[in-house]
C-alpha atoms as a PDB file:
ATOM      1  CA  MET A   1      10.367  58.557   4.173  1.00  0.00           C
ATOM      2  CA  THR A   2       9.425  56.763   7.211  1.00  0.00           C
ATOM      3  CA  GLY A   3       6.632  53.917   6.720  1.00  0.00           C
ATOM      4  CA  GLU A   4       4.196  56.582   8.534  1.00  0.00           C
ATOM      5  CA  ASN A   5       4.253  58.771   5.620  1.00  0.00           C
ATOM      6  CA  LYS A   6       4.140  56.064   2.947  1.00  0.00           C
ATOM      7  CA  ILE A   7       0.363  55.321   3.306  1.00  0.00           C
ATOM      8  CA  ASN A   8      -2.340  57.249   1.485  1.00  0.00           C
ATOM      9  CA  PRO A   9      -5.711  58.460   2.585  1.00  0.00           C
ATOM     10  CA  LYS A  10      -7.518  55.451   1.415  1.00  0.00           C
ATOM     11  CA  ILE A  11      -5.267  53.255   3.349  1.00  0.00           C
ATOM     12  CA  ALA A  12      -5.606  55.338   6.177  1.00  0.00           C
ATOM     13  CA  LYS A  13      -9.014  55.063   6.248  1.00  0.00           C
ATOM     14  CA  ASN A  14      -8.979  51.257   5.902  1.00  0.00           C
ATOM     15  CA  ILE A  15      -6.854  51.017   9.012  1.00  0.00           C
ATOM     16  CA  LEU A  16      -9.177  53.067  11.203  1.00  0.00           C
ATOM     17  CA  GLN A  17     -12.210  51.408   9.445  1.00  0.00           C
ATOM     18  CA  GLU A  18     -15.409  51.630  12.090  1.00  0.00           C
ATOM     19  CA  SER A  19     -14.833  47.616  12.547  1.00  0.00           C
ATOM     20  CA  VAL A  20     -13.641  44.298  11.389  1.00  0.00           C
ATOM     21  CA  SER A  21     -15.977  41.195  11.702  1.00  0.00           C
ATOM     22  CA  LYS A  22     -16.226  39.235  14.989  1.00  0.00           C
ATOM     23  CA  GLU A  23     -13.998  36.505  13.106  1.00  0.00           C
ATOM     24  CA  LYS A  24     -10.961  38.891  12.740  1.00  0.00           C
ATOM     25  CA  ALA A  25     -11.686  40.815  15.896  1.00  0.00           C
ATOM     26  CA  PHE A  26      -8.807  40.744  18.547  1.00  0.00           C
ATOM     27  CA  TYR A  27      -9.954  38.682  21.525  1.00  0.00           C
ATOM     28  CA  PHE A  28      -7.901  39.252  24.947  1.00  0.00           C
ATOM     29  CA  PHE A  29      -6.817  36.201  26.352  1.00  0.00           C
ATOM     30  CA  LYS A  30      -4.924  36.262  30.395  1.00  0.00           C
ATOM     31  CA  ASN A  31      -3.246  32.855  29.146  1.00  0.00           C
ATOM     32  CA  PHE A  32      -3.994  30.132  27.035  1.00  0.00           C
ATOM     33  CA  GLY A  33      -7.769  29.090  27.337  1.00  0.00           C
ATOM     34  CA  GLN A  34      -8.321  31.870  29.888  1.00  0.00           C
ATOM     35  CA  TYR A  35     -10.574  34.476  27.557  1.00  0.00           C
ATOM     36  CA  THR A  36     -11.296  37.712  29.522  1.00  0.00           C
ATOM     37  CA  GLY A  37     -14.365  38.143  27.699  1.00  0.00           C
ATOM     38  CA  ASN A  38     -12.869  41.222  26.056  1.00  0.00           C
ATOM     39  CA  PHE A  39     -12.494  41.684  22.383  1.00  0.00           C
ATOM     40  CA  ALA A  40     -12.069  44.868  19.808  1.00  0.00           C
ATOM     41  CA  VAL A  41     -12.994  45.233  16.459  1.00  0.00           C
ATOM     42  CA  SER A  42     -11.360  48.369  15.617  1.00  0.00           C
ATOM     43  CA  LEU A  43      -8.010  50.295  16.133  1.00  0.00           C
ATOM     44  CA  GLU A  44      -9.942  52.706  18.483  1.00  0.00           C
ATOM     45  CA  GLU A  45     -11.500  49.951  20.400  1.00  0.00           C
ATOM     46  CA  PHE A  46      -8.374  48.134  20.707  1.00  0.00           C
ATOM     47  CA  TYR A  47      -6.816  51.043  22.391  1.00  0.00           C
ATOM     48  CA  GLU A  48      -9.679  51.492  24.898  1.00  0.00           C
ATOM     49  CA  MET A  49      -9.415  47.944  25.961  1.00  0.00           C
ATOM     50  CA  MET A  50      -5.965  48.720  27.039  1.00  0.00           C
ATOM     51  CA  ASP A  51      -7.454  49.947  30.155  1.00  0.00           C
ATOM     52  CA  LYS A  52     -10.403  47.159  30.444  1.00  0.00           C
ATOM     53  CA  VAL A  53      -8.313  44.197  30.232  1.00  0.00           C
ATOM     54  CA  PRO A  54      -6.140  42.701  33.021  1.00  0.00           C
ATOM     55  CA  PRO A  55      -2.153  43.625  33.062  1.00  0.00           C
ATOM     56  CA  GLN A  56      -1.420  39.948  32.603  1.00  0.00           C
ATOM     57  CA  SER A  57      -3.489  39.774  29.238  1.00  0.00           C
ATOM     58  CA  LEU A  58      -1.393  42.719  27.852  1.00  0.00           C
ATOM     59  CA  GLU A  59       1.702  40.818  29.143  1.00  0.00           C
ATOM     60  CA  PHE A  60       0.391  37.406  27.646  1.00  0.00           C
ATOM     61  CA  HIS A  61      -0.319  38.656  24.009  1.00  0.00           C
ATOM     62  CA  PHE A  62       2.741  41.512  23.868  1.00  0.00           C
ATOM     63  CA  LEU A  63       5.109  38.716  24.670  1.00  0.00           C
ATOM     64  CA  ARG A  64       3.796  36.526  22.016  1.00  0.00           C
ATOM     65  CA  GLY A  65       3.706  39.150  19.290  1.00  0.00           C
ATOM     66  CA  ASP A  66      -0.370  38.919  19.039  1.00  0.00           C
ATOM     67  CA  PHE A  67      -0.875  42.487  18.782  1.00  0.00           C
ATOM     68  CA  GLU A  68       1.616  43.367  16.076  1.00  0.00           C
ATOM     69  CA  LYS A  69       0.371  40.187  14.258  1.00  0.00           C
ATOM     70  CA  TRP A  70      -3.382  41.472  14.126  1.00  0.00           C
ATOM     71  CA  ILE A  71      -2.559  44.981  13.680  1.00  0.00           C
ATOM     72  CA  ARG A  72      -0.192  44.075  10.286  1.00  0.00           C
ATOM     73  CA  GLU A  73      -2.414  41.042   9.187  1.00  0.00           C
ATOM     74  CA  VAL A  74      -5.918  42.386   9.981  1.00  0.00           C
ATOM     75  CA  LEU A  75      -5.825  46.249  10.032  1.00  0.00           C
ATOM     76  CA  GLY A  76      -3.151  46.260   7.539  1.00  0.00           C
ATOM     77  CA  ASP A  77      -0.757  48.801   9.492  1.00  0.00           C
ATOM     78  CA  PRO A  78       2.785  47.468   9.086  1.00  0.00           C
ATOM     79  CA  TYR A  79       4.252  50.800  10.829  1.00  0.00           C
ATOM     80  CA  LEU A  80       2.157  50.383  13.687  1.00  0.00           C
ATOM     81  CA  ALA A  81       3.080  46.682  14.122  1.00  0.00           C
ATOM     82  CA  ALA A  82       6.684  47.753  13.921  1.00  0.00           C
ATOM     83  CA  GLN A  83       6.425  50.236  16.550  1.00  0.00           C
ATOM     84  CA  ILE A  84       4.606  48.243  19.047  1.00  0.00           C
ATOM     85  CA  GLY A  85       7.368  45.101  17.988  1.00  0.00           C
ATOM     86  CA  SER A  86      10.176  47.872  18.988  1.00  0.00           C
ATOM     87  CA  ILE A  87       8.730  48.048  22.663  1.00  0.00           C
ATOM     88  CA  ASN A  88      11.459  46.921  25.156  1.00  0.00           C
ATOM     89  CA  ARG A  89       9.857  43.316  26.003  1.00  0.00           C
ATOM     90  CA  SER A  90      10.877  43.576  29.877  1.00  0.00           C
ATOM     91  CA  LEU A  91       8.266  46.064  30.317  1.00  0.00           C
ATOM     92  CA  LYS A  92       5.377  44.935  32.335  1.00  0.00           C
ATOM     93  CA  ASN A  93       2.177  46.476  33.951  1.00  0.00           C
ATOM     94  CA  LYS A  94       1.585  50.125  33.956  1.00  0.00           C
ATOM     95  CA  LYS A  95       4.742  50.796  32.181  1.00  0.00           C
ATOM     96  CA  LEU A  96       3.907  48.095  29.266  1.00  0.00           C
ATOM     97  CA  LYS A  97       0.422  49.544  29.105  1.00  0.00           C
ATOM     98  CA  ALA A  98       1.148  53.247  28.837  1.00  0.00           C
ATOM     99  CA  MET A  99       4.074  52.544  26.008  1.00  0.00           C
ATOM    100  CA  LEU A 100       1.477  50.665  24.113  1.00  0.00           C
ATOM    101  CA  LYS A 101      -1.380  53.195  24.686  1.00  0.00           C
ATOM    102  CA  ARG A 102       1.366  56.077  23.718  1.00  0.00           C
ATOM    103  CA  LYS A 103       2.180  54.177  20.449  1.00  0.00           C
ATOM    104  CA  ILE A 104      -1.382  53.299  19.634  1.00  0.00           C
ATOM    105  CA  ARG A 105      -2.795  57.000  20.381  1.00  0.00           C
ATOM    106  CA  ARG A 106       0.059  58.523  18.299  1.00  0.00           C
ATOM    107  CA  ARG A 107      -0.908  56.394  15.175  1.00  0.00           C
ATOM    108  CA  ILE A 108      -4.504  56.736  15.334  1.00  0.00           C
ATOM    109  CA  ASN A 109      -3.478  60.888  15.525  1.00  0.00           C
ATOM    110  CA  GLN A 110      -1.756  60.162  12.638  1.00  0.00           C
ATOM    111  CA  LEU A 111      -3.812  58.544  10.650  1.00  0.00           C
ATOM    112  CA  LYS A 112      -6.733  61.283  11.236  1.00  0.00           C
ATOM    113  CA  LYS A 113      -4.745  63.991  10.459  1.00  0.00           C
ATOM    114  CA  LEU A 114      -3.945  62.350   7.031  1.00  0.00           C
ATOM    115  CA  LEU A 115      -7.552  61.913   6.453  1.00  0.00           C
ATOM    116  CA  LYS A 116      -8.084  65.505   7.055  1.00  0.00           C
ATOM    117  CA  ARG A 117      -5.934  66.919   4.519  1.00  0.00           C
END
């Protein structure tokens, strides 16, 4: 059984919850001390931000493991965190964004499908 199937609807609902507090939001930076002005308080908003933040912000956080950490520790989804962690670290720009978006969208769809059962 894969990690995606081990969660129950209650956990799926928590992962997809409307929003977390601003203290627990994901804040996008281009580099240390260079805040983009963008943040996300939910998984869906995080997905949408992929199109709004500069590519260097995605690369900065991806290489540091920030996405996996936030998704695992704040949203409570170790499966998606592992999926993002498995992305080739040499991807950049459009390829990185496309891969991140694909994995996040797939997970959002899986969780929503679980909630409809």
